Structures are given as C-alpha cells and as structure tokens.
Protein backbone atom coordinates (compact mmCIF):
# COMPACT_ATOMS: atom_id res chain seq x y z
CA MET A 1 99.35 116.50 97.99
CA SER A 2 102.34 118.85 98.12
CA ALA A 3 102.34 122.47 99.24
CA LYS A 4 102.49 123.46 95.57
CA GLN A 5 99.24 121.71 94.74
CA LEU A 6 95.54 122.21 95.27
CA THR A 7 92.40 120.18 94.78
CA ILE A 8 89.37 121.32 92.84
CA THR A 9 86.05 119.52 93.20
CA LEU A 10 83.21 120.17 90.78
CA ILE A 11 79.92 120.00 92.67
CA PRO A 12 76.89 119.42 90.44
CA ALA A 13 73.58 121.17 90.92
CA ASP A 14 70.62 119.21 92.22
CA GLY A 15 69.12 117.17 89.42
CA GLU A 16 72.26 117.02 87.28
CA PRO A 17 73.25 113.59 85.94
CA HIS A 18 75.41 111.19 87.96
CA TYR A 19 79.11 111.46 87.16
CA LYS A 20 78.97 108.15 85.25
CA GLU A 21 76.47 109.55 82.75
CA PRO A 22 77.89 110.70 79.36
CA GLU A 23 76.50 114.25 79.74
CA ARG A 24 78.28 114.72 83.09
CA GLN A 25 81.48 113.17 81.74
CA ALA A 26 81.44 115.69 78.88
CA THR A 27 81.12 118.53 81.41
CA ILE A 28 83.99 117.25 83.55
CA LYS A 29 86.23 116.66 80.52
CA GLY A 30 85.45 120.15 79.22
CA PHE A 31 86.45 121.65 82.56
CA GLU A 32 89.67 119.62 82.55
CA ALA A 33 90.55 120.85 79.04
CA SER A 34 89.84 124.44 80.07
CA ILE A 35 92.09 124.21 83.12
CA LYS A 36 94.88 122.62 81.07
CA LYS A 37 94.81 125.68 78.80
CA THR A 38 95.98 127.78 81.77
CA GLY A 39 99.28 125.90 81.74
CA ALA A 40 98.55 124.02 84.95
CA LYS A 41 99.53 120.41 85.38
CA VAL A 42 96.30 118.66 86.31
CA ALA A 43 95.51 115.08 87.34
CA PRO A 44 91.85 114.11 87.40
CA GLU A 45 90.57 111.50 89.82
CA VAL A 46 89.39 108.50 87.81
CA LEU A 47 87.12 105.74 89.07
CA MET A 48 87.66 102.39 87.38
CA GLN A 49 85.24 99.49 87.59
CA LYS A 50 86.80 96.16 86.64
CA ALA A 51 83.71 94.05 86.12
CA VAL A 52 81.41 93.04 83.32
CA GLY A 53 80.00 96.25 81.94
CA GLY A 54 82.64 98.25 83.81
CA GLY A 55 84.44 101.32 82.64
CA GLU A 56 86.25 104.38 83.87
CA TRP A 57 84.89 107.78 84.73
CA LEU A 58 86.21 111.15 85.83
CA THR A 59 84.73 111.96 89.23
CA GLY A 60 85.01 115.76 89.10
CA LEU A 61 87.96 115.98 91.51
CA PHE A 62 91.26 117.33 90.24
CA ILE A 63 94.70 117.63 91.82
CA MET A 64 96.78 120.28 90.16
CA ASP A 65 99.91 122.33 90.43
CA LEU A 66 99.57 126.03 91.02
CA VAL A 67 100.47 128.38 88.22
CA LYS A 68 102.14 131.72 88.96
CA GLU A 69 98.87 133.63 88.67
CA ALA A 70 95.50 132.34 89.83
CA ALA A 71 93.49 134.67 87.56
CA PRO A 72 93.64 132.30 84.55
CA TYR A 73 91.48 129.84 86.51
CA ALA A 74 88.66 132.38 86.70
CA THR A 75 87.32 131.67 83.21
CA SER A 76 87.21 127.91 83.80
CA PHE A 77 85.46 128.36 87.15
CA LEU A 78 82.95 130.90 85.86
CA VAL A 79 82.03 128.94 82.72
CA TYR A 80 81.36 125.83 84.84
CA LEU A 81 79.23 127.76 87.34
CA ALA A 82 77.27 129.74 84.73
CA ALA A 83 76.25 126.70 82.68
CA VAL A 84 73.81 125.36 85.30
CA LYS A 85 72.29 127.22 88.25
CA GLY A 86 73.23 125.65 91.57
CA ARG A 87 76.65 124.32 90.62
CA LYS A 88 79.57 124.91 92.96
CA ILE A 89 83.33 124.55 92.96
CA ARG A 90 85.33 123.62 96.06
CA VAL A 91 89.02 124.52 96.13
CA LYS A 92 91.38 123.31 98.81
CA LYS A 93 94.96 124.51 99.28
CA GLY A 94 96.61 123.07 102.37
CA GLU A 95 94.28 123.75 105.29
CA LEU A 96 92.39 126.47 103.40
CA GLU A 97 89.15 125.45 101.71
CA ILE A 98 86.60 127.64 99.92
CA GLU A 99 83.41 126.73 98.10
CA ALA A 100 82.08 129.00 95.38
CA GLY A 101 78.75 129.15 93.61
CA SER A 102 78.93 132.68 92.22
CA ALA A 103 81.33 135.08 90.53
CA LYS A 104 81.82 136.96 93.81
CA GLU A 105 82.77 133.74 95.59
CA VAL A 106 85.18 132.85 92.77
CA GLU A 107 86.96 136.13 93.55
CA LYS A 108 87.49 134.83 97.11
CA ILE A 109 89.03 131.64 95.73
CA LEU A 110 91.39 133.59 93.48
CA SER A 111 92.37 135.82 96.39
CA MET A 112 93.09 132.77 98.57
CA LEU A 113 95.27 131.22 95.88
CA GLU A 114 97.21 134.40 95.25
CA LYS A 115 97.89 134.92 98.97
CA THR A 116 99.29 131.45 99.55
CA PRO A 117 102.96 130.71 98.90
CA LYS A 118 103.78 128.96 95.64
CA ASP A 119 107.32 127.92 96.60
C-alpha cells in the first residue's frame, strides 16, 4: 500500500450474515458503489474458491486512493453504519488506524484523513 492509499474494512454487527451470503455481498457491493461515486479509485479484496461449488466473494476490505477531500466518504460510512446497529468501519492510513461505529467516530476518521499528507 502506498502513502497515497488507505484501507477500509467493513465490520459486520453480531448476527449479520457471513460475507459469502448473498445479503452480505449486496451490502458490500453497495458500499463499494457508494465509495466509487466519490471519485476514489477503489480495489476490493476478493476471495476466490477454485473448487466444485466455488465462487468469488468480496470480503469487505477495500484498498483505495485518497481523494482531495475526505468529507465525501462521510455519506458512505454513515449509511453503512446506520443500516444495522453494531456495525463498524476500520480505516487505516499508514500507521494510523481508527475504528468507527457512530457518526461522532466517523468525524474522527475524516479528521485523520484530512490531516495526513496526500502527496
């Protein structure tokens, strides 16, 4: 991961479906589409199973380039968190890592991203 990138991990609430389940895949794909609308270049982590009955699934981890302003991420983060109580988002930029489960904690993530160099 370069200095111009960050990782986002979607953490499901207790009792949510496993990431291989269609309902969870729809959630992860919706988040990915939302983030792409910010103009960010995003690469989701994909797990592939090459066996009878195999397939491929998004895991909920994304590597993405920073955009000039972190604020556009807020909507994507907040929509994910608000949909199911207990969900969290973990964002890592270099050595900095913050986990958020509320709107107030999302503000801390946005602040971290805006204070880190983008060049």
